[in-house]
Amino acid sequence: MAPRQEDMPDDDDHHKKPTDLEKHIMFWDRDGDGLINVSDVWHGFRDLGFSIPYSIISLFIPLLFSYATQPGHAGAAAKRDPRFRVCVSNVHRTIHSSDSGVFDPRGQLDQDRFDSMFTKFDTENKGHLTTREYLRMWKSNCDPYDFGGWLYSFMELLTTWLLIQKRGQIAKADLRGVYDGSLFYIIKESRQQQTKEI
C-alpha cells in the first residue's frame, strides 16, 4: 500500500538531529532560526578573522546557494528568496560535484571515507597535510569538465587553508573540525579571548 501524502517525510524535515553538513554551517545561523542571512555570512567570516575584502567575497555564498535550499525545490518549483537566505535543513542540496565526497547525499560525514582520503595524501602518516598534499587532494577530486564544481571546491579549499593552516600544514583534527563545524566556535572563542587580553 502506498504511503499517504501526509505520511511522507517532508524534505525540509527529514531528520530531527542536525547532520554534520548542517552543523558545518550552523555557525553562521546567528539567531538559530534555521536561516542564514547575507549579514550572517558577513559577521561569521569576520568572527573567524577573515579580512574585509575576503568577507565581501564570501557574500557570494548565499547568492549561489540560496535557491537550492529553498523549501519545495526538490519536489516542486521553489520560490526564490529575495533576501538570498540559506535554509540550514536543506543544505544537503548544495552538495556539488568535484567536492571531497566525504558527505553522503543527506549531509552525514562518512568517517571512513574521510580517514581514507586523508591517509591517501598523508603518505608519511604525519597527522597533517602539507600545502602541496592538500592541493593534490583537491585536484584529485576535480572533474576536468566541471568548471563550476571545481571552482566552488577551490574556494572551499582556499577558505579552509586560510583558516586552519599552521606553517603551511593542515592538521587532520582541524580539517575534521571544519567539516562538522566544531572548529569555528573554538576559533571564534579564541579570538574573543585574545581581544579581551589586549
C-alpha atoms as a PDB file:
ATOM      1  CA  MET A   1       0.000   0.000   0.000  1.00  0.00           C
ATOM      2  CA  ALA A   2       1.430   3.398  -1.000  1.00  0.00           C
ATOM      3  CA  PRO A   3       2.023   5.884   1.835  1.00  0.00           C
ATOM      4  CA  ARG A   4      -0.443   8.710   2.157  1.00  0.00           C
ATOM      5  CA  GLN A   5       0.878  12.115   1.183  1.00  0.00           C
ATOM      6  CA  GLU A   6       0.645  13.370   4.777  1.00  0.00           C
ATOM      7  CA  ASP A   7       2.714  10.380   5.984  1.00  0.00           C
ATOM      8  CA  MET A   8       5.576  11.065   3.615  1.00  0.00           C
ATOM      9  CA  PRO A   9       8.537  12.926   5.130  1.00  0.00           C
ATOM     10  CA  ASP A  10       8.968  16.499   4.068  1.00  0.00           C
ATOM     11  CA  ASP A  11      12.391  17.114   2.559  1.00  0.00           C
ATOM     12  CA  ASP A  12      12.840  20.065   4.882  1.00  0.00           C
ATOM     13  CA  ASP A  13      12.164  17.909   7.973  1.00  0.00           C
ATOM     14  CA  HIS A  14      13.843  14.630   7.118  1.00  0.00           C
ATOM     15  CA  HIS A  15      15.550  14.348  10.481  1.00  0.00           C
ATOM     16  CA  LYS A  16      15.415  15.771  13.971  1.00  0.00           C
ATOM     17  CA  LYS A  17      19.128  15.705  14.738  1.00  0.00           C
ATOM     18  CA  PRO A  18      21.301  18.011  12.593  1.00  0.00           C
ATOM     19  CA  THR A  19      23.541  16.318  10.051  1.00  0.00           C
ATOM     20  CA  ASP A  20      27.259  17.050  10.007  1.00  0.00           C
ATOM     21  CA  LEU A  21      26.798  19.292   6.974  1.00  0.00           C
ATOM     22  CA  GLU A  22      24.103  21.249   8.808  1.00  0.00           C
ATOM     23  CA  LYS A  23      26.441  21.574  11.798  1.00  0.00           C
ATOM     24  CA  HIS A  24      29.108  22.778   9.371  1.00  0.00           C
ATOM     25  CA  ILE A  25      27.008  25.860   8.514  1.00  0.00           C
ATOM     26  CA  MET A  26      25.052  26.386  11.752  1.00  0.00           C
ATOM     27  CA  PHE A  27      27.865  28.646  12.992  1.00  0.00           C
ATOM     28  CA  TRP A  28      26.510  31.250  10.569  1.00  0.00           C
ATOM     29  CA  ASP A  29      22.907  30.882  11.812  1.00  0.00           C
ATOM     30  CA  ARG A  30      23.438  33.550  14.435  1.00  0.00           C
ATOM     31  CA  ASP A  31      19.887  33.649  15.812  1.00  0.00           C
ATOM     32  CA  GLY A  32      19.193  29.918  15.479  1.00  0.00           C
ATOM     33  CA  ASP A  33      16.131  30.361  13.264  1.00  0.00           C
ATOM     34  CA  GLY A  34      17.308  27.860  10.647  1.00  0.00           C
ATOM     35  CA  LEU A  35      18.032  30.599   8.093  1.00  0.00           C
ATOM     36  CA  ILE A  36      21.365  32.167   7.225  1.00  0.00           C
ATOM     37  CA  ASN A  37      21.064  35.755   6.018  1.00  0.00           C
ATOM     38  CA  VAL A  38      23.640  37.592   3.930  1.00  0.00           C
ATOM     39  CA  SER A  39      24.578  39.644   7.013  1.00  0.00           C
ATOM     40  CA  ASP A  40      25.074  36.403   8.982  1.00  0.00           C
ATOM     41  CA  VAL A  41      27.640  35.284   6.415  1.00  0.00           C
ATOM     42  CA  TRP A  42      29.475  38.601   6.718  1.00  0.00           C
ATOM     43  CA  HIS A  43      29.560  38.538  10.526  1.00  0.00           C
ATOM     44  CA  GLY A  44      30.529  34.873  10.636  1.00  0.00           C
ATOM     45  CA  PHE A  45      33.546  35.367   8.390  1.00  0.00           C
ATOM     46  CA  ARG A  46      34.602  38.436  10.352  1.00  0.00           C
ATOM     47  CA  ASP A  47      34.250  36.482  13.630  1.00  0.00           C
ATOM     48  CA  LEU A  48      36.621  33.880  12.197  1.00  0.00           C
ATOM     49  CA  GLY A  49      39.209  36.566  11.460  1.00  0.00           C
ATOM     50  CA  PHE A  50      38.845  36.920   7.707  1.00  0.00           C
ATOM     51  CA  SER A  51      39.725  40.268   6.183  1.00  0.00           C
ATOM     52  CA  ILE A  52      37.109  42.735   4.974  1.00  0.00           C
ATOM     53  CA  PRO A  53      37.830  42.003   1.262  1.00  0.00           C
ATOM     54  CA  TYR A  54      37.602  38.230   1.803  1.00  0.00           C
ATOM     55  CA  SER A  55      34.422  38.626   3.829  1.00  0.00           C
ATOM     56  CA  ILE A  56      32.921  40.627   0.969  1.00  0.00           C
ATOM     57  CA  ILE A  57      33.820  37.817  -1.447  1.00  0.00           C
ATOM     58  CA  SER A  58      32.134  35.354   0.948  1.00  0.00           C
ATOM     59  CA  LEU A  59      28.816  37.079   0.263  1.00  0.00           C
ATOM     60  CA  PHE A  60      28.676  35.127  -3.000  1.00  0.00           C
ATOM     61  CA  ILE A  61      27.903  32.018  -0.912  1.00  0.00           C
ATOM     62  CA  PRO A  62      24.240  32.894  -0.236  1.00  0.00           C
ATOM     63  CA  LEU A  63      23.854  34.290  -3.748  1.00  0.00           C
ATOM     64  CA  LEU A  64      24.980  30.981  -5.236  1.00  0.00           C
ATOM     65  CA  PHE A  65      23.377  28.520  -2.812  1.00  0.00           C
ATOM     66  CA  SER A  66      20.186  30.153  -1.519  1.00  0.00           C
ATOM     67  CA  TYR A  67      17.862  28.915  -4.263  1.00  0.00           C
ATOM     68  CA  ALA A  68      18.863  25.259  -3.936  1.00  0.00           C
ATOM     69  CA  THR A  69      17.959  25.260  -0.238  1.00  0.00           C
ATOM     70  CA  GLN A  70      14.504  26.814  -0.548  1.00  0.00           C
ATOM     71  CA  PRO A  71      11.500  24.713   0.544  1.00  0.00           C
ATOM     72  CA  GLY A  72       9.855  22.869  -2.329  1.00  0.00           C
ATOM     73  CA  HIS A  73      12.912  22.887  -4.557  1.00  0.00           C
ATOM     74  CA  ALA A  74      13.356  19.102  -4.530  1.00  0.00           C
ATOM     75  CA  GLY A  75       9.793  18.109  -5.387  1.00  0.00           C
ATOM     76  CA  ALA A  76       8.232  21.239  -6.828  1.00  0.00           C
ATOM     77  CA  ALA A  77       9.237  24.642  -8.079  1.00  0.00           C
ATOM     78  CA  ALA A  78      10.719  26.705  -5.274  1.00  0.00           C
ATOM     79  CA  LYS A  79      10.328  30.426  -4.981  1.00  0.00           C
ATOM     80  CA  ARG A  80      13.472  32.463  -4.998  1.00  0.00           C
ATOM     81  CA  ASP A  81      14.146  34.240  -1.735  1.00  0.00           C
ATOM     82  CA  PRO A  82      14.733  37.940  -2.494  1.00  0.00           C
ATOM     83  CA  ARG A  83      16.876  38.097   0.666  1.00  0.00           C
ATOM     84  CA  PHE A  84      19.045  35.165  -0.512  1.00  0.00           C
ATOM     85  CA  ARG A  85      18.727  33.277   2.765  1.00  0.00           C
ATOM     86  CA  VAL A  86      20.118  29.753   3.066  1.00  0.00           C
ATOM     87  CA  CYS A  87      17.825  27.197   4.757  1.00  0.00           C
ATOM     88  CA  VAL A  88      20.022  25.120   7.072  1.00  0.00           C
ATOM     89  CA  SER A  89      17.826  21.999   6.905  1.00  0.00           C
ATOM     90  CA  ASN A  90      18.204  21.821   3.125  1.00  0.00           C
ATOM     91  CA  VAL A  91      21.937  22.468   2.861  1.00  0.00           C
ATOM     92  CA  HIS A  92      22.455  18.882   1.623  1.00  0.00           C
ATOM     93  CA  ARG A  93      21.031  20.083  -1.701  1.00  0.00           C
ATOM     94  CA  THR A  94      24.144  22.224  -2.215  1.00  0.00           C
ATOM     95  CA  ILE A  95      26.475  19.209  -2.337  1.00  0.00           C
ATOM     96  CA  HIS A  96      28.184  19.634  -5.669  1.00  0.00           C
ATOM     97  CA  SER A  97      30.424  17.683  -7.988  1.00  0.00           C
ATOM     98  CA  SER A  98      34.208  17.926  -7.652  1.00  0.00           C
ATOM     99  CA  ASP A  99      33.929  18.085  -3.854  1.00  0.00           C
ATOM    100  CA  SER A 100      35.791  15.835  -1.401  1.00  0.00           C
ATOM    101  CA  GLY A 101      32.982  13.255  -1.331  1.00  0.00           C
ATOM    102  CA  VAL A 102      33.128  12.828   2.459  1.00  0.00           C
ATOM    103  CA  PHE A 103      29.451  13.738   2.914  1.00  0.00           C
ATOM    104  CA  ASP A 104      26.681  11.337   1.948  1.00  0.00           C
ATOM    105  CA  PRO A 105      23.660  12.676  -0.029  1.00  0.00           C
ATOM    106  CA  ARG A 106      21.899  13.707   3.206  1.00  0.00           C
ATOM    107  CA  GLY A 107      24.937  15.524   4.604  1.00  0.00           C
ATOM    108  CA  GLN A 108      26.298  12.983   7.093  1.00  0.00           C
ATOM    109  CA  LEU A 109      30.069  12.815   7.272  1.00  0.00           C
ATOM    110  CA  ASP A 110      31.421   9.415   6.272  1.00  0.00           C
ATOM    111  CA  GLN A 111      34.261   8.987   8.779  1.00  0.00           C
ATOM    112  CA  ASP A 112      35.786   6.030   6.919  1.00  0.00           C
ATOM    113  CA  ARG A 113      35.855   7.984   3.682  1.00  0.00           C
ATOM    114  CA  PHE A 114      37.372  11.000   5.459  1.00  0.00           C
ATOM    115  CA  ASP A 115      40.087   8.832   7.049  1.00  0.00           C
ATOM    116  CA  SER A 116      40.787   7.115   3.739  1.00  0.00           C
ATOM    117  CA  MET A 117      41.029  10.425   1.889  1.00  0.00           C
ATOM    118  CA  PHE A 118      43.408  11.873   4.455  1.00  0.00           C
ATOM    119  CA  THR A 119      45.593   8.757   4.595  1.00  0.00           C
ATOM    120  CA  LYS A 120      45.855   8.675   0.807  1.00  0.00           C
ATOM    121  CA  PHE A 121      47.538  12.082   0.752  1.00  0.00           C
ATOM    122  CA  ASP A 122      49.290  11.977   4.146  1.00  0.00           C
ATOM    123  CA  THR A 123      51.643   9.357   2.787  1.00  0.00           C
ATOM    124  CA  GLU A 124      54.120   9.624   5.680  1.00  0.00           C
ATOM    125  CA  ASN A 125      51.386   9.330   8.346  1.00  0.00           C
ATOM    126  CA  LYS A 126      52.317  12.730   9.821  1.00  0.00           C
ATOM    127  CA  GLY A 127      48.805  13.611  11.009  1.00  0.00           C
ATOM    128  CA  HIS A 128      48.785  16.644   8.735  1.00  0.00           C
ATOM    129  CA  LEU A 129      48.891  17.570   5.060  1.00  0.00           C
ATOM    130  CA  THR A 130      51.401  19.930   3.558  1.00  0.00           C
ATOM    131  CA  THR A 131      50.054  22.635   1.277  1.00  0.00           C
ATOM    132  CA  ARG A 132      51.247  20.625  -1.717  1.00  0.00           C
ATOM    133  CA  GLU A 133      49.476  17.477  -0.493  1.00  0.00           C
ATOM    134  CA  TYR A 134      46.336  19.484   0.239  1.00  0.00           C
ATOM    135  CA  LEU A 135      46.335  20.866  -3.314  1.00  0.00           C
ATOM    136  CA  ARG A 136      46.870  17.362  -4.701  1.00  0.00           C
ATOM    137  CA  MET A 137      43.868  16.177  -2.696  1.00  0.00           C
ATOM    138  CA  TRP A 138      41.726  18.949  -4.195  1.00  0.00           C
ATOM    139  CA  LYS A 139      42.986  18.246  -7.708  1.00  0.00           C
ATOM    140  CA  SER A 140      42.232  14.527  -7.403  1.00  0.00           C
ATOM    141  CA  ASN A 141      38.562  15.319  -6.700  1.00  0.00           C
ATOM    142  CA  CYS A 142      38.132  17.685  -9.637  1.00  0.00           C
ATOM    143  CA  ASP A 143      36.236  16.654 -12.717  1.00  0.00           C
ATOM    144  CA  PRO A 144      38.083  18.459 -15.539  1.00  0.00           C
ATOM    145  CA  TYR A 145      34.798  19.021 -17.385  1.00  0.00           C
ATOM    146  CA  ASP A 146      33.076  20.564 -14.379  1.00  0.00           C
ATOM    147  CA  PHE A 147      34.341  24.142 -14.199  1.00  0.00           C
ATOM    148  CA  GLY A 148      31.672  25.290 -11.743  1.00  0.00           C
ATOM    149  CA  GLY A 149      32.216  22.356  -9.388  1.00  0.00           C
ATOM    150  CA  TRP A 150      35.966  22.696  -9.173  1.00  0.00           C
ATOM    151  CA  LEU A 151      35.692  26.483  -8.784  1.00  0.00           C
ATOM    152  CA  TYR A 152      33.343  26.004  -5.788  1.00  0.00           C
ATOM    153  CA  SER A 153      35.612  23.351  -4.319  1.00  0.00           C
ATOM    154  CA  PHE A 154      38.694  25.556  -4.805  1.00  0.00           C
ATOM    155  CA  MET A 155      37.032  28.403  -2.906  1.00  0.00           C
ATOM    156  CA  GLU A 156      36.204  25.934  -0.109  1.00  0.00           C
ATOM    157  CA  LEU A 157      39.804  24.674  -0.155  1.00  0.00           C
ATOM    158  CA  LEU A 158      41.254  28.194  -0.056  1.00  0.00           C
ATOM    159  CA  THR A 159      38.939  29.310   2.752  1.00  0.00           C
ATOM    160  CA  THR A 160      39.772  26.212   4.796  1.00  0.00           C
ATOM    161  CA  TRP A 161      43.505  26.632   4.163  1.00  0.00           C
ATOM    162  CA  LEU A 162      43.452  30.303   5.190  1.00  0.00           C
ATOM    163  CA  LEU A 163      41.511  29.424   8.323  1.00  0.00           C
ATOM    164  CA  ILE A 164      43.403  26.425   9.713  1.00  0.00           C
ATOM    165  CA  GLN A 165      46.842  26.120   8.160  1.00  0.00           C
ATOM    166  CA  LYS A 166      49.759  26.465  10.528  1.00  0.00           C
ATOM    167  CA  ARG A 167      53.112  26.951   8.841  1.00  0.00           C
ATOM    168  CA  GLY A 168      51.574  25.591   5.640  1.00  0.00           C
ATOM    169  CA  GLN A 169      50.258  22.435   7.301  1.00  0.00           C
ATOM    170  CA  ILE A 170      46.660  21.224   7.639  1.00  0.00           C
ATOM    171  CA  ALA A 171      46.145  19.079  10.748  1.00  0.00           C
ATOM    172  CA  LYS A 172      43.726  16.160  10.402  1.00  0.00           C
ATOM    173  CA  ALA A 173      41.850  17.089  13.593  1.00  0.00           C
ATOM    174  CA  ASP A 174      41.402  20.679  12.397  1.00  0.00           C
ATOM    175  CA  LEU A 175      40.127  19.586   8.993  1.00  0.00           C
ATOM    176  CA  ARG A 176      37.662  17.236  10.701  1.00  0.00           C
ATOM    177  CA  GLY A 177      36.557  20.159  12.889  1.00  0.00           C
ATOM    178  CA  VAL A 178      35.852  22.246   9.794  1.00  0.00           C
ATOM    179  CA  TYR A 179      33.720  19.506   8.249  1.00  0.00           C
ATOM    180  CA  ASP A 180      31.453  19.239  11.303  1.00  0.00           C
ATOM    181  CA  GLY A 181      31.660  22.947  12.183  1.00  0.00           C
ATOM    182  CA  SER A 182      33.009  22.462  15.708  1.00  0.00           C
ATOM    183  CA  LEU A 183      36.279  24.261  14.995  1.00  0.00           C
ATOM    184  CA  PHE A 184      34.522  27.511  14.039  1.00  0.00           C
ATOM    185  CA  TYR A 185      33.288  28.036  17.609  1.00  0.00           C
ATOM    186  CA  ILE A 186      36.746  27.307  19.021  1.00  0.00           C
ATOM    187  CA  ILE A 187      38.362  29.848  16.686  1.00  0.00           C
ATOM    188  CA  LYS A 188      35.746  32.497  17.481  1.00  0.00           C
ATOM    189  CA  GLU A 189      36.116  31.972  21.242  1.00  0.00           C
ATOM    190  CA  SER A 190      39.907  32.079  20.982  1.00  0.00           C
ATOM    191  CA  ARG A 191      39.781  35.350  19.048  1.00  0.00           C
ATOM    192  CA  GLN A 192      37.375  36.874  21.573  1.00  0.00           C
ATOM    193  CA  GLN A 193      39.666  35.834  24.421  1.00  0.00           C
ATOM    194  CA  GLN A 194      42.663  37.392  22.687  1.00  0.00           C
ATOM    195  CA  THR A 195      40.715  40.629  22.205  1.00  0.00           C
ATOM    196  CA  LYS A 196      39.882  40.745  25.936  1.00  0.00           C
ATOM    197  CA  GLU A 197      43.536  40.278  26.851  1.00  0.00           C
ATOM    198  CA  ILE A 198      44.681  43.204  24.693  1.00  0.00           C
END
